[in-house]
Amino acid sequence: MATHPIRAYRRAQKPPLRLEDLANRVGTTKANLSRIEGGKRKPSNKLLRKLVAETGIPAASIRPDLAGLFFKPAARPARGMLRRKRAA
């Protein structure tokens, strides 16, 4: 299982940021943040905004299920634009 982005952020800090300290900074409990890192709970929209502001982690990384709200699909090229010209 991949490491949750919030846990990776905390461990990357020098010295590593304690779970309790980050929880206090964003206004939640240590237990709630632990559940989020463990994948057992998703942060509310309000908490998500606070986590993004505090850590700089993109919201789509913390809540991949909401990624469609953050990114617009790329425009498709016009028909025939991707065809390669044949060598003569």
PDB file of N, CA and C in Angstrom:
ATOM      1  N   MET A   1       0.838  -1.178   0.000  1.00  0.00           N
ATOM      2  CA  MET A   1       0.000   0.000   0.000  1.00  0.00           C
ATOM      3  C   MET A   1       0.890   1.250   0.000  1.00  0.00           C
ATOM      4  N   ALA A   2       0.547   2.217  -0.806  1.00  0.00           N
ATOM      5  CA  ALA A   2       1.325   3.442  -0.911  1.00  0.00           C
ATOM      6  C   ALA A   2       1.122   4.316   0.331  1.00  0.00           C
ATOM      7  N   THR A   3       2.137   5.079   0.647  1.00  0.00           N
ATOM      8  CA  THR A   3       2.059   5.992   1.780  1.00  0.00           C
ATOM      9  C   THR A   3       1.136   7.155   1.441  1.00  0.00           C
ATOM     10  N   HIS A   4       0.272   7.492   2.373  1.00  0.00           N
ATOM     11  CA  HIS A   4      -0.647   8.611   2.175  1.00  0.00           C
ATOM     12  C   HIS A   4       0.181   9.896   2.036  1.00  0.00           C
ATOM     13  N   PRO A   5      -0.231  10.827   1.156  1.00  0.00           N
ATOM     14  CA  PRO A   5       0.547  12.051   0.949  1.00  0.00           C
ATOM     15  C   PRO A   5       0.740  12.881   2.217  1.00  0.00           C
ATOM     16  N   ILE A   6      -0.221  12.876   3.117  1.00  0.00           N
ATOM     17  CA  ILE A   6      -0.067  13.648   4.352  1.00  0.00           C
ATOM     18  C   ILE A   6       1.015  13.024   5.233  1.00  0.00           C
ATOM     19  N   ARG A   7       1.029  11.696   5.313  1.00  0.00           N
ATOM     20  CA  ARG A   7       2.052  11.014   6.101  1.00  0.00           C
ATOM     21  C   ARG A   7       3.431  11.252   5.489  1.00  0.00           C
ATOM     22  N   ALA A   8       3.516  11.193   4.165  1.00  0.00           N
ATOM     23  CA  ALA A   8       4.791  11.444   3.491  1.00  0.00           C
ATOM     24  C   ALA A   8       5.273  12.866   3.775  1.00  0.00           C
ATOM     25  N   TYR A   9       4.350  13.826   3.756  1.00  0.00           N
ATOM     26  CA  TYR A   9       4.693  15.216   4.064  1.00  0.00           C
ATOM     27  C   TYR A   9       5.245  15.330   5.480  1.00  0.00           C
ATOM     28  N   ARG A  10       4.547  14.742   6.438  1.00  0.00           N
ATOM     29  CA  ARG A  10       4.976  14.834   7.840  1.00  0.00           C
ATOM     30  C   ARG A  10       6.366  14.248   8.033  1.00  0.00           C
ATOM     31  N   ARG A  11       6.619  13.100   7.398  1.00  0.00           N
ATOM     32  CA  ARG A  11       7.919  12.435   7.538  1.00  0.00           C
ATOM     33  C   ARG A  11       9.037  13.201   6.844  1.00  0.00           C
ATOM     34  N   ALA A  12       8.702  13.947   5.807  1.00  0.00           N
ATOM     35  CA  ALA A  12       9.722  14.684   5.050  1.00  0.00           C
ATOM     36  C   ALA A  12      10.197  15.948   5.760  1.00  0.00           C
ATOM     37  N   GLN A  13       9.446  16.410   6.751  1.00  0.00           N
ATOM     38  CA  GLN A  13       9.829  17.623   7.479  1.00  0.00           C
ATOM     39  C   GLN A  13      11.039  17.330   8.356  1.00  0.00           C
ATOM     40  N   LYS A  14      11.864  18.334   8.563  1.00  0.00           N
ATOM     41  CA  LYS A  14      13.057  18.189   9.410  1.00  0.00           C
ATOM     42  C   LYS A  14      12.922  19.074  10.621  1.00  0.00           C
ATOM     43  N   PRO A  15      12.763  18.559  11.809  1.00  0.00           N
ATOM     44  CA  PRO A  15      12.524  17.160  12.157  1.00  0.00           C
ATOM     45  C   PRO A  15      11.120  16.749  11.725  1.00  0.00           C
ATOM     46  N   PRO A  16      10.863  15.434  11.635  1.00  0.00           N
ATOM     47  CA  PRO A  16       9.533  14.978  11.218  1.00  0.00           C
ATOM     48  C   PRO A  16       8.423  15.600  12.067  1.00  0.00           C
ATOM     49  N   LEU A  17       7.359  15.988  11.415  1.00  0.00           N
ATOM     50  CA  LEU A  17       6.224  16.631  12.077  1.00  0.00           C
ATOM     51  C   LEU A  17       5.347  15.564  12.725  1.00  0.00           C
ATOM     52  N   ARG A  18       5.072  15.742  14.000  1.00  0.00           N
ATOM     53  CA  ARG A  18       4.236  14.778  14.714  1.00  0.00           C
ATOM     54  C   ARG A  18       2.785  14.904  14.262  1.00  0.00           C
ATOM     55  N   LEU A  19       2.094  13.778  14.281  1.00  0.00           N
ATOM     56  CA  LEU A  19       0.682  13.728  13.907  1.00  0.00           C
ATOM     57  C   LEU A  19      -0.119  14.729  14.731  1.00  0.00           C
ATOM     58  N   GLU A  20       0.132  14.761  16.013  1.00  0.00           N
ATOM     59  CA  GLU A  20      -0.587  15.663  16.911  1.00  0.00           C
ATOM     60  C   GLU A  20      -0.351  17.129  16.554  1.00  0.00           C
ATOM     61  N   ASP A  21       0.868  17.472  16.172  1.00  0.00           N
ATOM     62  CA  ASP A  21       1.177  18.862  15.828  1.00  0.00           C
ATOM     63  C   ASP A  21       0.442  19.309  14.564  1.00  0.00           C
ATOM     64  N   LEU A  22       0.431  18.463  13.541  1.00  0.00           N
ATOM     65  CA  LEU A  22      -0.291  18.812  12.313  1.00  0.00           C
ATOM     66  C   LEU A  22      -1.792  18.884  12.587  1.00  0.00           C
ATOM     67  N   ALA A  23      -2.299  17.962  13.378  1.00  0.00           N
ATOM     68  CA  ALA A  23      -3.721  17.979  13.723  1.00  0.00           C
ATOM     69  C   ALA A  23      -4.087  19.292  14.405  1.00  0.00           C
ATOM     70  N   ASN A  24      -3.263  19.749  15.327  1.00  0.00           N
ATOM     71  CA  ASN A  24      -3.523  21.017  16.009  1.00  0.00           C
ATOM     72  C   ASN A  24      -3.494  22.195  15.041  1.00  0.00           C
ATOM     73  N   ARG A  25      -2.573  22.171  14.091  1.00  0.00           N
ATOM     74  CA  ARG A  25      -2.453  23.273  13.121  1.00  0.00           C
ATOM     75  C   ARG A  25      -3.684  23.398  12.229  1.00  0.00           C
ATOM     76  N   VAL A  26      -4.292  22.264  11.897  1.00  0.00           N
ATOM     77  CA  VAL A  26      -5.441  22.304  10.984  1.00  0.00           C
ATOM     78  C   VAL A  26      -6.774  22.206  11.707  1.00  0.00           C
ATOM     79  N   GLY A  27      -6.734  22.115  13.022  1.00  0.00           N
ATOM     80  CA  GLY A  27      -7.970  22.151  13.800  1.00  0.00           C
ATOM     81  C   GLY A  27      -8.755  20.861  13.830  1.00  0.00           C
ATOM     82  N   THR A  28      -8.069  19.745  13.927  1.00  0.00           N
ATOM     83  CA  THR A  28      -8.745  18.456  14.054  1.00  0.00           C
ATOM     84  C   THR A  28      -8.059  17.660  15.155  1.00  0.00           C
ATOM     85  N   THR A  29      -8.534  16.457  15.384  1.00  0.00           N
ATOM     86  CA  THR A  29      -7.928  15.618  16.416  1.00  0.00           C
ATOM     87  C   THR A  29      -6.857  14.722  15.811  1.00  0.00           C
ATOM     88  N   LYS A  30      -5.976  14.269  16.674  1.00  0.00           N
ATOM     89  CA  LYS A  30      -4.940  13.336  16.265  1.00  0.00           C
ATOM     90  C   LYS A  30      -5.580  12.060  15.715  1.00  0.00           C
ATOM     91  N   ALA A  31      -6.635  11.582  16.383  1.00  0.00           N
ATOM     92  CA  ALA A  31      -7.321  10.364  15.950  1.00  0.00           C
ATOM     93  C   ALA A  31      -7.942  10.531  14.560  1.00  0.00           C
ATOM     94  N   ASN A  32      -8.563  11.685  14.310  1.00  0.00           N
ATOM     95  CA  ASN A  32      -9.185  11.929  13.013  1.00  0.00           C
ATOM     96  C   ASN A  32      -8.132  11.964  11.911  1.00  0.00           C
ATOM     97  N   LEU A  33      -7.031  12.655  12.156  1.00  0.00           N
ATOM     98  CA  LEU A  33      -5.972  12.738  11.152  1.00  0.00           C
ATOM     99  C   LEU A  33      -5.350  11.365  10.915  1.00  0.00           C
ATOM    100  N   SER A  34      -5.227  10.574  11.958  1.00  0.00           N
ATOM    101  CA  SER A  34      -4.705   9.217  11.814  1.00  0.00           C
ATOM    102  C   SER A  34      -5.622   8.377  10.929  1.00  0.00           C
ATOM    103  N   ARG A  35      -6.924   8.519  11.100  1.00  0.00           N
ATOM    104  CA  ARG A  35      -7.884   7.781  10.262  1.00  0.00           C
ATOM    105  C   ARG A  35      -7.788   8.220   8.802  1.00  0.00           C
ATOM    106  N   ILE A  36      -7.565   9.510   8.583  1.00  0.00           N
ATOM    107  CA  ILE A  36      -7.420  10.023   7.211  1.00  0.00           C
ATOM    108  C   ILE A  36      -6.166   9.440   6.575  1.00  0.00           C
ATOM    109  N   GLU A  37      -5.052   9.479   7.292  1.00  0.00           N
ATOM    110  CA  GLU A  37      -3.803   8.919   6.771  1.00  0.00           C
ATOM    111  C   GLU A  37      -3.915   7.425   6.522  1.00  0.00           C
ATOM    112  N   GLY A  38      -4.686   6.743   7.340  1.00  0.00           N
ATOM    113  CA  GLY A  38      -4.862   5.298   7.201  1.00  0.00           C
ATOM    114  C   GLY A  38      -5.867   4.899   6.143  1.00  0.00           C
ATOM    115  N   GLY A  39      -6.540   5.883   5.540  1.00  0.00           N
ATOM    116  CA  GLY A  39      -7.507   5.609   4.492  1.00  0.00           C
ATOM    117  C   GLY A  39      -8.869   5.169   5.001  1.00  0.00           C
ATOM    118  N   LYS A  40      -9.096   5.299   6.296  1.00  0.00           N
ATOM    119  CA  LYS A  40     -10.375   4.888   6.871  1.00  0.00           C
ATOM    120  C   LYS A  40     -11.412   5.999   6.843  1.00  0.00           C
ATOM    121  N   ARG A  41     -10.961   7.221   6.622  1.00  0.00           N
ATOM    122  CA  ARG A  41     -11.865   8.369   6.593  1.00  0.00           C
ATOM    123  C   ARG A  41     -11.337   9.371   5.570  1.00  0.00           C
ATOM    124  N   LYS A  42     -12.263  10.110   4.977  1.00  0.00           N
ATOM    125  CA  LYS A  42     -11.898  11.174   4.043  1.00  0.00           C
ATOM    126  C   LYS A  42     -12.109  12.506   4.756  1.00  0.00           C
ATOM    127  N   PRO A  43     -11.216  13.457   4.541  1.00  0.00           N
ATOM    128  CA  PRO A  43     -11.411  14.755   5.204  1.00  0.00           C
ATOM    129  C   PRO A  43     -12.606  15.499   4.626  1.00  0.00           C
ATOM    130  N   SER A  44     -13.273  16.260   5.478  1.00  0.00           N
ATOM    131  CA  SER A  44     -14.369  17.106   5.007  1.00  0.00           C
ATOM    132  C   SER A  44     -13.795  18.165   4.074  1.00  0.00           C
ATOM    133  N   ASN A  45     -14.649  18.845   3.355  1.00  0.00           N
ATOM    134  CA  ASN A  45     -14.184  19.902   2.452  1.00  0.00           C
ATOM    135  C   ASN A  45     -13.458  21.002   3.219  1.00  0.00           C
ATOM    136  N   LYS A  46     -13.982  21.340   4.390  1.00  0.00           N
ATOM    137  CA  LYS A  46     -13.362  22.380   5.215  1.00  0.00           C
ATOM    138  C   LYS A  46     -11.966  21.949   5.666  1.00  0.00           C
ATOM    139  N   LEU A  47     -11.855  20.718   6.150  1.00  0.00           N
ATOM    140  CA  LEU A  47     -10.556  20.212   6.599  1.00  0.00           C
ATOM    141  C   LEU A  47      -9.616  20.050   5.413  1.00  0.00           C
ATOM    142  N   LEU A  48     -10.137  19.640   4.278  1.00  0.00           N
ATOM    143  CA  LEU A  48      -9.323  19.498   3.076  1.00  0.00           C
ATOM    144  C   LEU A  48      -8.666  20.830   2.714  1.00  0.00           C
ATOM    145  N   ARG A  49      -9.446  21.911   2.745  1.00  0.00           N
ATOM    146  CA  ARG A  49      -8.885  23.237   2.441  1.00  0.00           C
ATOM    147  C   ARG A  49      -7.781  23.602   3.427  1.00  0.00           C
ATOM    148  N   LYS A  50      -7.978  23.288   4.707  1.00  0.00           N
ATOM    149  CA  LYS A  50      -6.959  23.593   5.715  1.00  0.00           C
ATOM    150  C   LYS A  50      -5.700  22.759   5.499  1.00  0.00           C
ATOM    151  N   LEU A  51      -5.866  21.496   5.167  1.00  0.00           N
ATOM    152  CA  LEU A  51      -4.711  20.635   4.908  1.00  0.00           C
ATOM    153  C   LEU A  51      -3.914  21.118   3.703  1.00  0.00           C
ATOM    154  N   VAL A  52      -4.614  21.509   2.649  1.00  0.00           N
ATOM    155  CA  VAL A  52      -3.942  22.023   1.445  1.00  0.00           C
ATOM    156  C   VAL A  52      -3.181  23.301   1.782  1.00  0.00           C
ATOM    157  N   ALA A  53      -3.805  24.204   2.538  1.00  0.00           N
ATOM    158  CA  ALA A  53      -3.151  25.469   2.900  1.00  0.00           C
ATOM    159  C   ALA A  53      -1.928  25.231   3.785  1.00  0.00           C
ATOM    160  N   GLU A  54      -2.020  24.287   4.698  1.00  0.00           N
ATOM    161  CA  GLU A  54      -0.924  24.032   5.639  1.00  0.00           C
ATOM    162  C   GLU A  54       0.230  23.261   5.012  1.00  0.00           C
ATOM    163  N   THR A  55      -0.090  22.280   4.161  1.00  0.00           N
ATOM    164  CA  THR A  55       0.946  21.388   3.638  1.00  0.00           C
ATOM    165  C   THR A  55       1.395  21.707   2.217  1.00  0.00           C
ATOM    166  N   GLY A  56       0.532  22.339   1.440  1.00  0.00           N
ATOM    167  CA  GLY A  56       0.853  22.585   0.038  1.00  0.00           C
ATOM    168  C   GLY A  56       0.604  21.376  -0.849  1.00  0.00           C
ATOM    169  N   ILE A  57       0.046  20.319  -0.272  1.00  0.00           N
ATOM    170  CA  ILE A  57      -0.277  19.118  -1.051  1.00  0.00           C
ATOM    171  C   ILE A  57      -1.524  19.413  -1.876  1.00  0.00           C
ATOM    172  N   PRO A  58      -1.522  19.098  -3.175  1.00  0.00           N
ATOM    173  CA  PRO A  58      -2.721  19.336  -3.986  1.00  0.00           C
ATOM    174  C   PRO A  58      -3.929  18.565  -3.447  1.00  0.00           C
ATOM    175  N   ALA A  59      -5.070  19.203  -3.487  1.00  0.00           N
ATOM    176  CA  ALA A  59      -6.299  18.585  -2.980  1.00  0.00           C
ATOM    177  C   ALA A  59      -6.594  17.262  -3.679  1.00  0.00           C
ATOM    178  N   ALA A  60      -6.298  17.183  -4.962  1.00  0.00           N
ATOM    179  CA  ALA A  60      -6.557  15.950  -5.710  1.00  0.00           C
ATOM    180  C   ALA A  60      -5.686  14.796  -5.237  1.00  0.00           C
ATOM    181  N   SER A  61      -4.553  15.087  -4.614  1.00  0.00           N
ATOM    182  CA  SER A  61      -3.706  14.025  -4.064  1.00  0.00           C
ATOM    183  C   SER A  61      -4.262  13.515  -2.745  1.00  0.00           C
ATOM    184  N   ILE A  62      -4.855  14.419  -1.982  1.00  0.00           N
ATOM    185  CA  ILE A  62      -5.426  14.024  -0.695  1.00  0.00           C
ATOM    186  C   ILE A  62      -6.764  13.332  -0.904  1.00  0.00           C
ATOM    187  N   ARG A  63      -7.566  13.829  -1.841  1.00  0.00           N
ATOM    188  CA  ARG A  63      -8.891  13.261  -2.124  1.00  0.00           C
ATOM    189  C   ARG A  63      -8.994  12.940  -3.612  1.00  0.00           C
ATOM    190  N   PRO A  64      -8.375  11.841  -4.068  1.00  0.00           N
ATOM    191  CA  PRO A  64      -8.423  11.502  -5.494  1.00  0.00           C
ATOM    192  C   PRO A  64      -9.842  11.321  -6.025  1.00  0.00           C
ATOM    193  N   ASP A  65     -10.771  10.978  -5.141  1.00  0.00           N
ATOM    194  CA  ASP A  65     -12.155  10.800  -5.574  1.00  0.00           C
ATOM    195  C   ASP A  65     -12.779  12.115  -6.031  1.00  0.00           C
ATOM    196  N   LEU A  66     -12.182  13.234  -5.656  1.00  0.00           N
ATOM    197  CA  LEU A  66     -12.687  14.549  -6.073  1.00  0.00           C
ATOM    198  C   LEU A  66     -11.866  15.158  -7.206  1.00  0.00           C
ATOM    199  N   ALA A  67     -10.938  14.407  -7.751  1.00  0.00           N
ATOM    200  CA  ALA A  67     -10.029  14.952  -8.761  1.00  0.00           C
ATOM    201  C   ALA A  67     -10.772  15.563  -9.938  1.00  0.00           C
ATOM    202  N   GLY A  68     -11.907  15.010 -10.305  1.00  0.00           N
ATOM    203  CA  GLY A  68     -12.680  15.541 -11.428  1.00  0.00           C
ATOM    204  C   GLY A  68     -13.180  16.949 -11.187  1.00  0.00           C
ATOM    205  N   LEU A  69     -13.302  17.338  -9.934  1.00  0.00           N
ATOM    206  CA  LEU A  69     -13.744  18.694  -9.622  1.00  0.00           C
ATOM    207  C   LEU A  69     -12.619  19.711  -9.773  1.00  0.00           C
ATOM    208  N   PHE A  70     -11.372  19.231  -9.737  1.00  0.00           N
ATOM    209  CA  PHE A  70     -10.228  20.129  -9.753  1.00  0.00           C
ATOM    210  C   PHE A  70      -9.606  20.274 -11.138  1.00  0.00           C
ATOM    211  N   PHE A  71      -9.806  19.285 -12.003  1.00  0.00           N
ATOM    212  CA  PHE A  71      -9.171  19.311 -13.315  1.00  0.00           C
ATOM    213  C   PHE A  71     -10.225  19.234 -14.399  1.00  0.00           C
ATOM    214  N   LYS A  72     -10.040  20.048 -15.419  1.00  0.00           N
ATOM    215  CA  LYS A  72     -10.910  19.973 -16.585  1.00  0.00           C
ATOM    216  C   LYS A  72     -10.231  19.050 -17.585  1.00  0.00           C
ATOM    217  N   PRO A  73     -10.993  18.218 -18.272  1.00  0.00           N
ATOM    218  CA  PRO A  73     -10.367  17.344 -19.267  1.00  0.00           C
ATOM    219  C   PRO A  73      -9.738  18.178 -20.374  1.00  0.00           C
ATOM    220  N   ALA A  74      -8.633  17.696 -20.872  1.00  0.00           N
ATOM    221  CA  ALA A  74      -7.939  18.405 -21.948  1.00  0.00           C
ATOM    222  C   ALA A  74      -8.806  18.407 -23.198  1.00  0.00           C
ATOM    223  N   ALA A  75      -8.729  19.480 -23.947  1.00  0.00           N
ATOM    224  CA  ALA A  75      -9.490  19.578 -25.190  1.00  0.00           C
ATOM    225  C   ALA A  75      -8.955  18.557 -26.184  1.00  0.00           C
ATOM    226  N   ARG A  76      -9.872  17.919 -26.889  1.00  0.00           N
ATOM    227  CA  ARG A  76      -9.450  16.950 -27.884  1.00  0.00           C
ATOM    228  C   ARG A  76      -9.013  17.679 -29.137  1.00  0.00           C
ATOM    229  N   PRO A  77      -7.947  17.209 -29.772  1.00  0.00           N
ATOM    230  CA  PRO A  77      -7.517  17.847 -31.021  1.00  0.00           C
ATOM    231  C   PRO A  77      -8.559  17.627 -32.116  1.00  0.00           C
ATOM    232  N   ALA A  78      -8.588  18.535 -33.054  1.00  0.00           N
ATOM    233  CA  ALA A  78      -9.532  18.419 -34.169  1.00  0.00           C
ATOM    234  C   ALA A  78      -9.244  17.128 -34.930  1.00  0.00           C
ATOM    235  N   ARG A  79     -10.283  16.587 -35.515  1.00  0.00           N
ATOM    236  CA  ARG A  79     -10.138  15.331 -36.241  1.00  0.00           C
ATOM    237  C   ARG A  79      -9.072  15.455 -37.326  1.00  0.00           C
ATOM    238  N   GLY A  80      -8.170  14.505 -37.352  1.00  0.00           N
ATOM    239  CA  GLY A  80      -7.144  14.487 -38.376  1.00  0.00           C
ATOM    240  C   GLY A  80      -5.868  15.227 -37.988  1.00  0.00           C
ATOM    241  N   MET A  81      -5.885  15.947 -36.889  1.00  0.00           N
ATOM    242  CA  MET A  81      -4.713  16.726 -36.483  1.00  0.00           C
ATOM    243  C   MET A  81      -3.556  15.825 -36.025  1.00  0.00           C
ATOM    244  N   LEU A  82      -3.856  14.631 -35.597  1.00  0.00           N
ATOM    245  CA  LEU A  82      -2.810  13.756 -35.081  1.00  0.00           C
ATOM    246  C   LEU A  82      -2.261  12.807 -36.139  1.00  0.00           C
ATOM    247  N   ARG A  83      -2.791  12.846 -37.310  1.00  0.00           N
ATOM    248  CA  ARG A  83      -2.289  11.958 -38.370  1.00  0.00           C
ATOM    249  C   ARG A  83      -0.913  12.409 -38.827  1.00  0.00           C
ATOM    250  N   ARG A  84      -0.068  11.426 -39.055  1.00  0.00           N
ATOM    251  CA  ARG A  84       1.276  11.741 -39.535  1.00  0.00           C
ATOM    252  C   ARG A  84       1.272  11.774 -41.059  1.00  0.00           C
ATOM    253  N   LYS A  85       2.105  12.625 -41.569  1.00  0.00           N
ATOM    254  CA  LYS A  85       2.235  12.696 -43.031  1.00  0.00           C
ATOM    255  C   LYS A  85       3.110  11.529 -43.484  1.00  0.00           C
ATOM    256  N   ARG A  86       2.729  10.963 -44.597  1.00  0.00           N
ATOM    257  CA  ARG A  86       3.509   9.847 -45.138  1.00  0.00           C
ATOM    258  C   ARG A  86       4.753  10.359 -45.831  1.00  0.00           C
ATOM    259  N   ALA A  87       5.817   9.606 -45.658  1.00  0.00           N
ATOM    260  CA  ALA A  87       7.062   9.979 -46.329  1.00  0.00           C
ATOM    261  C   ALA A  87       6.911   9.709 -47.830  1.00  0.00           C
ATOM    262  N   ALA A  88       7.458  10.589 -48.649  1.00  0.00           N
ATOM    263  CA  ALA A  88       7.324  10.456 -50.099  1.00  0.00           C
ATOM    264  C   ALA A  88       8.275   9.467 -50.673  1.00  0.00           C
TER     265      ALA A  88
END
